[in-house]
N, C-alpha and C. Protein backbone atom coordinates (compact mmCIF):
# COMPACT_ATOMS: atom_id res chain seq x y z
N UNK A 1 18.65 -36.16 123.60
CA UNK A 1 17.13 -36.09 123.91
C UNK A 1 18.00 -35.48 125.40
N UNK A 2 17.19 -34.61 126.04
CA UNK A 2 17.10 -34.16 127.60
C UNK A 2 15.40 -34.44 127.85
N UNK A 3 15.79 -34.81 129.99
CA UNK A 3 14.52 -34.15 129.55
C UNK A 3 14.15 -33.46 130.41
N UNK A 4 13.08 -32.49 130.35
CA UNK A 4 11.63 -31.71 130.16
C UNK A 4 10.73 -31.51 131.23
N UNK A 5 10.11 -29.70 130.81
CA UNK A 5 8.59 -30.18 131.69
C UNK A 5 8.32 -28.93 130.66
N UNK A 6 6.60 -29.51 130.13
CA UNK A 6 6.28 -28.55 129.81
C UNK A 6 5.10 -27.80 130.80
N UNK A 7 4.71 -27.07 130.54
CA UNK A 7 3.61 -27.16 131.78
C UNK A 7 3.39 -27.25 133.23
N UNK A 8 4.46 -28.12 133.23
CA UNK A 8 4.29 -29.08 134.77
C UNK A 8 4.78 -30.47 134.24
N UNK A 9 4.66 -30.54 132.13
CA UNK A 9 4.21 -31.94 132.83
C UNK A 9 5.42 -32.73 132.38
N UNK A 10 5.64 -33.62 133.01
CA UNK A 10 7.44 -34.42 132.26
C UNK A 10 7.19 -34.46 130.33
N UNK A 11 9.03 -34.37 129.86
CA UNK A 11 8.56 -34.27 128.35
C UNK A 11 9.79 -34.88 128.62
N UNK A 12 10.25 -34.61 126.80
CA UNK A 12 11.63 -35.29 126.27
C UNK A 12 11.70 -34.07 124.62
N UNK A 13 12.92 -33.60 125.12
CA UNK A 13 13.39 -33.31 124.12
C UNK A 13 14.44 -33.21 122.96
N UNK A 14 14.14 -33.43 121.48
CA UNK A 14 15.15 -33.55 120.69
C UNK A 14 15.70 -33.08 119.67
N UNK A 15 17.01 -32.14 120.12
CA UNK A 15 17.33 -31.81 118.17
C UNK A 15 17.27 -31.56 117.50
N UNK A 16 16.69 -31.35 116.59
CA UNK A 16 16.44 -31.82 115.16
C UNK A 16 17.41 -31.57 114.34
N UNK A 17 18.00 -29.78 114.10
CA UNK A 17 18.90 -29.51 113.48
C UNK A 17 18.74 -28.13 114.11
N UNK A 18 19.67 -27.53 113.27
CA UNK A 18 20.01 -25.92 114.31
C UNK A 18 21.49 -24.92 113.46
N UNK A 19 22.32 -24.05 113.39
CA UNK A 19 22.64 -23.62 112.65
C UNK A 19 23.19 -22.29 114.27
N UNK A 20 25.07 -22.56 114.50
CA UNK A 20 25.32 -22.18 114.92
C UNK A 20 26.05 -20.68 114.41
N UNK A 21 25.60 -19.82 114.84
CA UNK A 21 26.31 -18.50 114.09
C UNK A 21 28.10 -18.23 115.53
N UNK A 22 29.36 -18.61 115.19
CA UNK A 22 29.77 -18.67 115.77
C UNK A 22 30.28 -16.77 116.30
N UNK A 23 30.90 -16.24 117.22
CA UNK A 23 31.41 -14.85 117.79
C UNK A 23 31.85 -13.98 116.69
N UNK A 24 31.44 -13.13 115.55
CA UNK A 24 32.61 -11.85 114.12
C UNK A 24 33.18 -10.76 115.27
N UNK A 25 34.42 -11.13 115.63
CA UNK A 25 34.52 -10.13 115.68
C UNK A 25 34.97 -8.55 114.55
N UNK A 26 34.79 -9.08 113.57
CA UNK A 26 35.06 -8.02 112.26
C UNK A 26 34.02 -8.19 112.21
N UNK A 27 32.66 -7.29 112.46
CA UNK A 27 31.39 -6.64 112.01
C UNK A 27 31.39 -6.12 113.26
N UNK A 28 30.77 -4.74 112.83
CA UNK A 28 29.63 -4.05 113.39
C UNK A 28 28.35 -4.27 113.32
N UNK A 29 27.70 -5.64 111.74
CA UNK A 29 25.97 -5.17 111.74
C UNK A 29 25.53 -5.53 112.20
N UNK A 30 25.66 -5.89 113.74
CA UNK A 30 25.18 -6.15 114.73
C UNK A 30 25.70 -6.18 116.05
N UNK A 31 25.57 -5.97 117.62
CA UNK A 31 25.76 -6.46 118.71
C UNK A 31 25.81 -7.83 119.02
N UNK A 32 25.21 -8.40 118.01
CA UNK A 32 24.59 -9.91 119.37
C UNK A 32 26.10 -10.54 117.87
N UNK A 33 25.61 -10.38 117.03
CA UNK A 33 26.90 -11.27 115.83
C UNK A 33 28.87 -10.55 116.52
N UNK A 34 28.74 -9.14 117.38
CA UNK A 34 30.17 -8.82 116.73
C UNK A 34 30.31 -9.87 118.93
N UNK A 35 29.10 -9.81 119.64
CA UNK A 35 29.86 -9.86 120.78
C UNK A 35 30.04 -11.91 121.41
N UNK A 36 28.38 -12.17 121.26
CA UNK A 36 28.06 -13.19 121.92
C UNK A 36 27.93 -14.56 120.45
N UNK A 37 27.86 -14.22 119.62
CA UNK A 37 26.43 -15.13 117.63
C UNK A 37 25.59 -15.48 117.88
N UNK A 38 24.34 -16.93 117.46
CA UNK A 38 23.28 -16.71 117.68
C UNK A 38 23.77 -18.02 117.40
N UNK A 39 22.36 -19.26 118.05
CA UNK A 39 21.73 -20.10 117.77
C UNK A 39 20.33 -19.91 116.90
N UNK A 40 20.13 -21.03 116.08
CA UNK A 40 18.78 -20.96 115.85
C UNK A 40 18.24 -22.99 115.97
N UNK A 41 17.62 -23.46 116.85
CA UNK A 41 17.74 -24.33 117.04
C UNK A 41 15.94 -24.12 116.47
N UNK A 42 16.51 -26.52 116.09
CA UNK A 42 15.20 -27.06 115.92
C UNK A 42 14.63 -28.21 116.42
N UNK A 43 13.89 -28.01 116.82
CA UNK A 43 14.03 -29.82 118.21
C UNK A 43 12.18 -30.14 117.95
N UNK A 44 12.34 -31.49 118.56
CA UNK A 44 10.82 -32.16 118.71
C UNK A 44 9.95 -32.47 120.12
N UNK A 45 9.33 -32.43 120.31
CA UNK A 45 8.42 -32.53 121.91
C UNK A 45 8.30 -34.75 122.22
N UNK A 46 8.98 -34.97 122.75
CA UNK A 46 8.19 -36.99 122.87
C UNK A 46 7.55 -36.49 124.68
N UNK A 47 6.21 -37.89 124.74
CA UNK A 47 6.16 -37.58 126.09
C UNK A 47 7.26 -39.12 126.66
N UNK A 48 6.84 -39.38 127.74
CA UNK A 48 8.07 -39.77 128.54
C UNK A 48 8.59 -41.29 128.24
N UNK A 49 7.95 -42.19 127.82
CA UNK A 49 7.73 -43.16 126.58
C UNK A 49 8.33 -43.18 125.05
N UNK A 50 8.83 -41.69 125.28
CA UNK A 50 9.80 -41.52 123.91
C UNK A 50 8.20 -41.66 122.18
N UNK A 51 7.01 -41.13 122.71
CA UNK A 51 6.64 -41.30 120.98
C UNK A 51 5.96 -39.87 121.19
N UNK A 52 6.34 -39.08 119.74
CA UNK A 52 5.79 -37.95 119.74
C UNK A 52 4.80 -37.59 120.31
N UNK A 53 4.59 -35.84 120.71
CA UNK A 53 4.00 -35.44 120.87
C UNK A 53 2.72 -33.99 120.76
N UNK A 54 2.91 -33.91 119.59
CA UNK A 54 1.84 -32.96 119.34
C UNK A 54 1.10 -31.75 120.26
N UNK A 55 0.87 -32.39 121.10
CA UNK A 55 0.07 -32.32 122.27
C UNK A 55 0.20 -31.03 123.27
N UNK A 56 0.94 -31.58 123.48
CA UNK A 56 2.28 -31.25 124.46
C UNK A 56 3.20 -29.90 124.04
N UNK A 57 3.36 -29.95 122.32
CA UNK A 57 4.11 -28.56 122.08
C UNK A 57 3.51 -27.41 121.23
N UNK A 58 1.41 -28.03 121.59
CA UNK A 58 0.97 -26.76 121.96
C UNK A 58 0.97 -26.39 123.02
N UNK A 59 1.51 -26.48 124.39
CA UNK A 59 0.47 -25.95 124.95
C UNK A 59 2.23 -25.11 125.87
N UNK A 60 3.07 -24.99 125.06
CA UNK A 60 4.19 -24.86 124.75
C UNK A 60 4.36 -22.90 124.70
N UNK A 61 4.49 -22.38 126.06
CA UNK A 61 4.98 -21.02 125.43
C UNK A 61 6.36 -20.51 124.81
N UNK A 62 6.27 -19.17 125.06
CA UNK A 62 7.76 -18.95 124.04
C UNK A 62 9.16 -18.97 125.28
N UNK A 63 8.09 -18.58 126.00
CA UNK A 63 9.49 -19.12 127.47
C UNK A 63 9.67 -20.74 127.46
N UNK A 64 8.63 -21.37 127.31
CA UNK A 64 9.48 -22.82 126.56
C UNK A 64 10.24 -23.16 126.27
N UNK A 65 9.98 -22.85 124.86
CA UNK A 65 10.72 -23.45 124.08
C UNK A 65 11.84 -21.83 123.78
N UNK A 66 12.13 -21.04 124.53
CA UNK A 66 13.44 -20.46 124.97
C UNK A 66 13.96 -21.68 125.74
N UNK A 67 13.14 -21.54 126.97
CA UNK A 67 13.90 -22.49 128.78
C UNK A 67 14.62 -23.42 126.75
N UNK A 68 14.03 -24.72 126.54
CA UNK A 68 14.19 -25.91 126.31
C UNK A 68 14.99 -25.44 125.27
N UNK A 69 14.86 -24.69 124.31
CA UNK A 69 16.35 -24.38 123.45
C UNK A 69 17.58 -23.78 124.00
N UNK A 70 17.68 -23.22 125.01
CA UNK A 70 18.82 -23.38 125.90
C UNK A 70 19.60 -24.41 126.02
N UNK A 71 18.21 -25.55 126.49
CA UNK A 71 19.04 -26.71 127.97
C UNK A 71 19.86 -27.51 126.64
N UNK A 72 19.22 -28.30 124.79
CA UNK A 72 19.61 -28.73 124.69
C UNK A 72 21.44 -27.56 123.62
N UNK A 73 20.62 -26.66 124.24
CA UNK A 73 22.26 -25.79 124.05
C UNK A 73 23.75 -26.43 124.27
N UNK A 74 23.38 -26.48 125.65
CA UNK A 74 24.04 -26.54 127.02
C UNK A 74 24.67 -27.97 126.94
N UNK A 75 23.08 -28.85 126.04
CA UNK A 75 23.85 -30.28 127.10
C UNK A 75 24.81 -30.89 125.26
N UNK A 76 24.48 -29.25 124.35
CA UNK A 76 25.86 -29.87 122.79
C UNK A 76 26.79 -29.52 123.79
N UNK A 77 26.86 -28.59 124.68
CA UNK A 77 28.62 -27.78 124.98
C UNK A 77 28.49 -26.95 124.32
N UNK A 78 27.43 -26.14 123.80
CA UNK A 78 28.35 -25.03 122.89
C UNK A 78 28.67 -23.74 123.36
């Protein structure tokens, strides 16, 4: 679980699932597959006390979602 913010509101995010595709240098199906691989990350948002915060998830923008996913990936050390 990591500390983060959504719309300036402090909260926590926890990875609940995901998939990591390592780079595959034997394929040219996609430059993303070849060079860097990709992640599909699922996570849930909690308030600072640790309670599920659906209302805060509803405030999340696409940029927030991408930033939090990247923060979670970094925490996992991938």
